[in-house]
Amino acid sequence: MRSPARRARHAPYLFLVPAITLFLLFFALPIGYAVWLSFRKVQVSGLGLGAGAREEVWAGLENYTGALSDSELLHGALRVLGYGCIVVPVMLGLALLFALMLDAERVRLAPFTRLAIFLPYAVPGVVAALLWGFLYLPGVSPFHFVLDALGLPQPDLLDGGPLYAALSNIAVWGGTGFNMIVIYTALRAVPAEVYEAAKLDGATPLQIALRIKIPMVAPSLVLTFFFSIIATLQVFSEPTTLKPLTNSVSTTWSPLMKVYQDAFGNGDIHAAAAQATLIAVATLVLSFGFLRTADRRTKQEAGR
């Protein structure tokens, strides 16, 4: 019979069993299966008819070399890079601005304003893309009717270069509220004595925001930037939802759309698995590379 001390020592591990089981079943196992598929391919014998004509065999790095030399995947990555250069700075800049405004001493209707800014984040991405898509569509958009009544030009936001701004607007509209809440929470955790000391030294509200508040919430800015990088690299629902509304969005506009098209459109699940693995590795390298750089810079500033 086990002693009470031994049972107490093993109790924490028993509580971890459900979480570990879910992690293995719904995270580790699918990743492992995708990696395994990426090293396989379907070999067709003859006309591909009859039993045994299509056989799954070991492919080695063939799928990876094909993915790295795929121009559509590369062009999708470049489009996402341009998309991210718009989304990330604008979204985080607005989130920081709103958080600083809400943290000001004299602000009216702060609870309602926080809710209003955060509410778009609660709208599912597909629904948000549909809403904005019909607002962009010239034939049904109320903005186009207003511009037409005023005799002003009516830009087509779903064609050419403006498409990047249209897609970025959806992401900024939906993600600013979440990042604002993270930064605002960090601001509320700053001791009030710090602000009082700055006021006694004659600091203006703008100086307090630039020299005290923003440096104090730097870890939150790093965290939100980290989340934004991951979300940008995984963009899928917005361009996919807008695709039926315009010919400017191809089935391979983003890397994840390319993976989906190869897996379920072309039926090449092995090539899609290799592409998905490469995207995951790129996301991991960029994210943790940024975290390491930010952590190194923080330690250098702390050592001064």
Protein backbone atom coordinates (compact mmCIF):
# COMPACT_ATOMS: atom_id res chain seq x y z
CA MET A 1 0.00 0.00 0.00
CA ARG A 2 1.36 3.41 -0.95
CA SER A 3 2.13 5.89 1.80
CA PRO A 4 0.22 9.21 1.94
CA ALA A 5 3.43 11.14 1.18
CA ARG A 6 4.05 9.11 -1.97
CA ARG A 7 0.46 9.58 -3.15
CA ALA A 8 0.73 13.32 -2.55
CA ARG A 9 3.95 13.39 -4.58
CA HIS A 10 2.24 11.72 -7.55
CA ALA A 11 -0.99 13.76 -7.33
CA PRO A 12 0.20 16.70 -9.52
CA TYR A 13 1.07 14.32 -12.34
CA LEU A 14 -2.42 12.82 -12.22
CA PHE A 15 -3.92 16.28 -12.67
CA LEU A 16 -1.70 16.79 -15.71
CA VAL A 17 -2.88 13.61 -17.43
CA PRO A 18 -5.98 15.16 -19.12
CA ALA A 19 -3.98 18.12 -20.45
CA ILE A 20 -1.14 15.91 -21.67
CA THR A 21 -3.61 13.52 -23.32
CA LEU A 22 -5.36 16.35 -25.18
CA PHE A 23 -2.00 17.83 -26.20
CA LEU A 24 -0.82 14.53 -27.63
CA LEU A 25 -4.10 13.72 -29.43
CA PHE A 26 -4.90 17.13 -30.92
CA PHE A 27 -1.49 18.77 -31.28
CA ALA A 28 1.53 16.47 -31.25
CA LEU A 29 -0.11 13.57 -33.12
CA PRO A 30 -1.45 15.67 -36.05
CA ILE A 31 1.92 17.42 -36.39
CA GLY A 32 3.75 14.10 -36.39
CA TYR A 33 1.35 12.66 -38.96
CA ALA A 34 1.79 15.71 -41.23
CA VAL A 35 5.57 15.39 -41.02
CA TRP A 36 5.33 11.68 -41.82
CA LEU A 37 3.11 12.39 -44.85
CA SER A 38 5.59 14.99 -46.08
CA PHE A 39 8.20 12.25 -46.60
CA ARG A 40 5.82 10.08 -48.64
CA LYS A 41 4.37 10.20 -52.15
CA VAL A 42 1.97 8.25 -54.34
CA GLN A 43 3.65 6.21 -57.04
CA VAL A 44 1.45 5.36 -60.04
CA SER A 45 2.11 2.25 -62.10
CA GLY A 46 0.85 1.97 -65.67
CA LEU A 47 -2.39 3.83 -66.21
CA GLY A 48 -3.11 4.00 -62.50
CA LEU A 49 -6.02 1.57 -62.80
CA GLY A 50 -6.63 -1.59 -60.86
CA ALA A 51 -5.51 -2.86 -57.49
CA GLY A 52 -1.97 -1.92 -56.53
CA ALA A 53 -1.60 0.60 -59.37
CA ARG A 54 -1.31 3.47 -56.90
CA GLU A 55 1.08 2.84 -54.06
CA GLU A 56 2.33 5.14 -51.31
CA VAL A 57 6.13 5.02 -51.12
CA TRP A 58 8.98 6.81 -49.38
CA ALA A 59 9.86 10.10 -51.09
CA GLY A 60 12.65 11.45 -48.89
CA LEU A 61 13.13 15.19 -49.37
CA GLU A 62 11.46 15.26 -52.78
CA ASN A 63 8.35 17.04 -51.51
CA TYR A 64 10.46 19.62 -49.69
CA THR A 65 12.64 20.40 -52.70
CA GLY A 66 9.48 20.72 -54.79
CA ALA A 67 7.95 23.12 -52.24
CA LEU A 68 11.09 25.27 -52.04
CA SER A 69 11.22 25.56 -55.82
CA ASP A 70 7.48 26.23 -56.19
CA SER A 71 7.06 29.76 -57.57
CA GLU A 72 3.43 29.99 -56.44
CA LEU A 73 4.40 29.29 -52.83
CA LEU A 74 7.21 31.87 -53.04
CA HIS A 75 4.93 34.51 -54.55
CA GLY A 76 2.35 33.79 -51.83
CA ALA A 77 5.02 34.31 -49.17
CA LEU A 78 5.99 37.65 -50.76
CA ARG A 79 2.36 38.76 -50.83
CA VAL A 80 1.98 37.87 -47.15
CA LEU A 81 5.18 39.80 -46.41
CA GLY A 82 3.73 42.93 -48.01
CA TYR A 83 0.45 42.33 -46.21
CA GLY A 84 2.26 42.00 -42.88
CA CYS A 85 4.26 45.20 -43.43
CA ILE A 86 0.92 47.02 -43.48
CA VAL A 87 -1.01 45.11 -40.82
CA VAL A 88 1.50 44.74 -37.98
CA PRO A 89 2.69 48.36 -37.55
CA VAL A 90 -0.75 49.88 -38.12
CA MET A 91 -2.54 47.45 -35.79
CA LEU A 92 0.00 47.73 -32.96
CA GLY A 93 0.27 51.49 -33.39
CA LEU A 94 -3.50 51.92 -33.06
CA ALA A 95 -3.63 49.47 -30.14
CA LEU A 96 -0.93 51.41 -28.29
CA LEU A 97 -2.61 54.74 -29.06
CA PHE A 98 -6.03 53.55 -27.83
CA ALA A 99 -4.51 52.02 -24.69
CA LEU A 100 -2.71 55.27 -23.86
CA MET A 101 -5.87 57.28 -24.45
CA LEU A 102 -7.94 55.00 -22.23
CA ASP A 103 -5.27 55.17 -19.52
CA ALA A 104 -5.39 58.97 -19.46
CA GLU A 105 -6.65 60.64 -16.29
CA ARG A 106 -9.64 62.34 -17.84
CA VAL A 107 -11.43 60.01 -20.20
CA ARG A 108 -15.18 59.72 -20.54
CA LEU A 109 -17.14 56.51 -21.05
CA ALA A 110 -13.98 54.40 -20.64
CA PRO A 111 -15.84 51.05 -20.14
CA PHE A 112 -18.00 51.62 -23.23
CA THR A 113 -14.99 52.71 -25.28
CA ARG A 114 -13.00 49.63 -24.27
CA LEU A 115 -15.91 47.41 -25.24
CA ALA A 116 -16.44 49.21 -28.55
CA ILE A 117 -12.77 48.83 -29.53
CA PHE A 118 -12.60 45.21 -28.39
CA LEU A 119 -15.95 44.12 -29.89
CA PRO A 120 -14.68 43.59 -33.48
CA TYR A 121 -12.28 40.95 -32.13
CA ALA A 122 -15.31 38.92 -31.00
CA VAL A 123 -16.64 38.79 -34.57
CA PRO A 124 -15.48 35.60 -36.35
CA GLY A 125 -12.93 36.24 -39.09
CA VAL A 126 -15.10 34.81 -41.86
CA VAL A 127 -18.07 36.96 -40.84
CA ALA A 128 -15.87 40.07 -40.66
CA ALA A 129 -14.41 39.35 -44.10
CA LEU A 130 -17.92 38.93 -45.56
CA LEU A 131 -19.12 42.19 -43.98
CA TRP A 132 -16.17 44.18 -45.28
CA GLY A 133 -16.28 42.37 -48.62
CA PHE A 134 -19.77 43.63 -49.34
CA LEU A 135 -18.77 47.10 -48.15
CA TYR A 136 -15.95 46.99 -50.69
CA LEU A 137 -18.09 45.62 -53.53
CA PRO A 138 -18.96 48.52 -55.87
CA GLY A 139 -22.47 47.30 -56.70
CA VAL A 140 -23.76 47.07 -53.12
CA SER A 141 -21.43 49.24 -51.02
CA PRO A 142 -23.16 52.26 -49.42
CA PHE A 143 -19.83 54.11 -49.59
CA HIS A 144 -19.87 53.87 -53.39
CA PHE A 145 -23.42 55.25 -53.51
CA VAL A 146 -22.35 58.21 -51.36
CA LEU A 147 -19.26 58.85 -53.50
CA ASP A 148 -21.35 58.61 -56.65
CA ALA A 149 -23.89 61.09 -55.28
CA LEU A 150 -21.08 63.51 -54.44
CA GLY A 151 -19.54 63.09 -57.88
CA LEU A 152 -16.32 61.69 -56.43
CA PRO A 153 -14.27 58.82 -57.92
CA GLN A 154 -15.20 55.33 -56.75
CA PRO A 155 -12.06 53.23 -56.16
CA ASP A 156 -12.23 49.48 -56.59
CA LEU A 157 -10.65 48.16 -53.39
CA LEU A 158 -10.88 44.56 -54.56
CA ASP A 159 -8.55 44.95 -57.53
CA GLY A 160 -4.80 45.52 -57.86
CA GLY A 161 -2.79 47.34 -55.22
CA PRO A 162 -5.77 48.52 -53.12
CA LEU A 163 -6.50 44.85 -52.39
CA TYR A 164 -3.64 44.82 -49.86
CA ALA A 165 -5.18 47.80 -48.06
CA ALA A 166 -8.62 46.13 -48.13
CA LEU A 167 -7.31 42.89 -46.63
CA SER A 168 -5.16 44.74 -44.11
CA ASN A 169 -8.13 46.82 -42.99
CA ILE A 170 -10.06 43.66 -42.07
CA ALA A 171 -7.16 42.35 -39.98
CA VAL A 172 -6.56 45.71 -38.30
CA TRP A 173 -10.26 46.17 -37.56
CA GLY A 174 -10.49 42.73 -35.96
CA GLY A 175 -7.14 42.54 -34.14
CA THR A 176 -6.62 46.02 -32.70
CA GLY A 177 -9.04 45.46 -29.82
CA PHE A 178 -7.28 42.34 -28.52
CA ASN A 179 -3.85 43.98 -28.62
CA MET A 180 -5.25 47.11 -27.01
CA ILE A 181 -6.59 45.10 -24.07
CA VAL A 182 -3.19 43.43 -23.55
CA ILE A 183 -1.35 46.77 -23.57
CA TYR A 184 -4.01 48.51 -21.49
CA THR A 185 -3.84 45.78 -18.83
CA ALA A 186 -0.07 46.27 -18.62
CA LEU A 187 -0.58 50.02 -18.23
CA ARG A 188 -3.02 49.52 -15.37
CA ALA A 189 -0.42 47.39 -13.59
CA VAL A 190 2.10 50.26 -13.45
CA PRO A 191 2.22 51.68 -9.88
CA ALA A 192 0.53 55.06 -9.53
CA GLU A 193 3.53 56.32 -7.54
CA VAL A 194 5.59 56.32 -10.74
CA TYR A 195 3.21 58.75 -12.40
CA GLU A 196 2.98 60.91 -9.28
CA ALA A 197 6.76 61.22 -9.12
CA ALA A 198 6.89 62.21 -12.79
CA LYS A 199 4.22 64.88 -12.23
CA LEU A 200 6.15 66.30 -9.28
CA ASP A 201 9.17 66.59 -11.58
CA GLY A 202 7.07 68.66 -13.99
CA ALA A 203 6.51 66.03 -16.69
CA THR A 204 3.64 66.67 -19.08
CA PRO A 205 1.13 63.92 -19.99
CA LEU A 206 2.86 63.49 -23.36
CA GLN A 207 6.26 63.10 -21.69
CA ILE A 208 4.82 60.60 -19.22
CA ALA A 209 3.39 58.57 -22.10
CA LEU A 210 6.60 58.61 -24.17
CA ARG A 211 9.19 58.23 -21.42
CA ILE A 212 7.38 56.17 -18.79
CA LYS A 213 4.29 54.37 -20.06
CA ILE A 214 5.63 53.05 -23.37
CA PRO A 215 8.93 51.76 -21.88
CA MET A 216 7.02 50.15 -19.00
CA VAL A 217 4.74 48.21 -21.37
CA ALA A 218 7.56 47.11 -23.68
CA PRO A 219 7.11 43.41 -22.71
CA SER A 220 3.44 43.64 -23.72
CA LEU A 221 4.42 45.22 -27.02
CA VAL A 222 6.82 42.35 -27.64
CA LEU A 223 4.07 39.84 -26.84
CA THR A 224 1.53 41.47 -29.14
CA PHE A 225 4.14 41.74 -31.91
CA PHE A 226 4.84 38.02 -31.46
CA PHE A 227 1.14 37.15 -31.80
CA SER A 228 0.80 39.46 -34.80
CA ILE A 229 3.66 37.78 -36.65
CA ILE A 230 2.06 34.36 -36.18
CA ALA A 231 -1.38 35.62 -37.26
CA THR A 232 0.10 37.31 -40.34
CA LEU A 233 1.97 34.22 -41.51
CA GLN A 234 -1.21 32.17 -41.09
CA VAL A 235 -3.57 34.49 -42.97
CA PHE A 236 -6.20 32.38 -44.71
CA SER A 237 -9.83 33.23 -43.94
CA GLU A 238 -9.82 36.84 -45.20
CA PRO A 239 -8.47 36.23 -48.74
CA THR A 240 -10.40 32.97 -49.03
CA THR A 241 -13.66 34.69 -48.11
CA LEU A 242 -13.04 37.60 -50.51
CA LYS A 243 -12.03 35.30 -53.38
CA PRO A 244 -15.59 34.83 -54.76
CA LEU A 245 -15.98 38.63 -54.90
CA THR A 246 -12.93 39.39 -57.04
CA ASN A 247 -10.62 37.83 -59.59
CA SER A 248 -7.58 39.48 -57.97
CA VAL A 249 -7.42 36.82 -55.24
CA SER A 250 -6.14 33.54 -56.61
CA THR A 251 -6.48 30.13 -54.98
CA THR A 252 -2.80 30.40 -53.98
CA TRP A 253 -2.77 34.03 -52.77
CA SER A 254 -1.24 33.09 -49.40
CA PRO A 255 0.93 30.10 -48.43
CA LEU A 256 -1.88 28.48 -46.44
CA MET A 257 -4.24 28.88 -49.39
CA LYS A 258 -1.62 27.11 -51.52
CA VAL A 259 -1.51 24.26 -48.99
CA TYR A 260 -5.29 23.98 -49.01
CA GLN A 261 -5.45 24.03 -52.83
CA ASP A 262 -2.81 21.30 -53.19
CA ALA A 263 -4.36 19.12 -50.49
CA PHE A 264 -8.04 19.36 -51.38
CA GLY A 265 -8.08 20.86 -54.86
CA ASN A 266 -5.25 18.96 -56.52
CA GLY A 267 -5.40 15.92 -54.23
CA ASP A 268 -1.65 16.02 -53.47
CA ILE A 269 -1.76 15.74 -49.71
CA HIS A 270 1.92 14.79 -49.45
CA ALA A 271 3.16 17.98 -51.14
CA ALA A 272 0.71 19.99 -49.03
CA ALA A 273 2.09 18.37 -45.87
CA ALA A 274 5.63 19.37 -46.84
CA GLN A 275 4.51 22.96 -47.51
CA ALA A 276 2.65 23.10 -44.20
CA THR A 277 5.74 21.82 -42.38
CA LEU A 278 7.90 24.48 -44.02
CA ILE A 279 5.40 27.20 -43.05
CA ALA A 280 5.38 25.93 -39.46
CA VAL A 281 9.19 25.91 -39.31
CA ALA A 282 9.37 29.42 -40.80
CA THR A 283 6.82 30.67 -38.25
CA LEU A 284 8.78 29.05 -35.42
CA VAL A 285 12.11 30.48 -36.57
CA LEU A 286 10.80 34.01 -37.11
CA SER A 287 8.82 34.09 -33.87
CA PHE A 288 11.50 32.72 -31.57
CA GLY A 289 14.19 34.66 -33.42
CA PHE A 290 12.30 37.84 -32.64
CA LEU A 291 11.81 36.78 -29.01
CA ARG A 292 15.52 36.02 -28.62
CA THR A 293 16.44 39.38 -30.12
CA ALA A 294 14.01 41.24 -27.87
CA ASP A 295 15.19 39.32 -24.81
CA ARG A 296 18.85 40.04 -25.61
CA ARG A 297 18.11 43.73 -26.05
CA THR A 298 16.19 43.83 -22.76
CA LYS A 299 19.10 42.25 -20.91
CA GLN A 300 21.54 44.71 -22.47
CA GLU A 301 19.42 47.67 -21.39
CA ALA A 302 19.06 46.21 -17.89
CA GLY A 303 22.83 45.80 -17.61
CA ARG A 304 23.52 49.46 -18.37
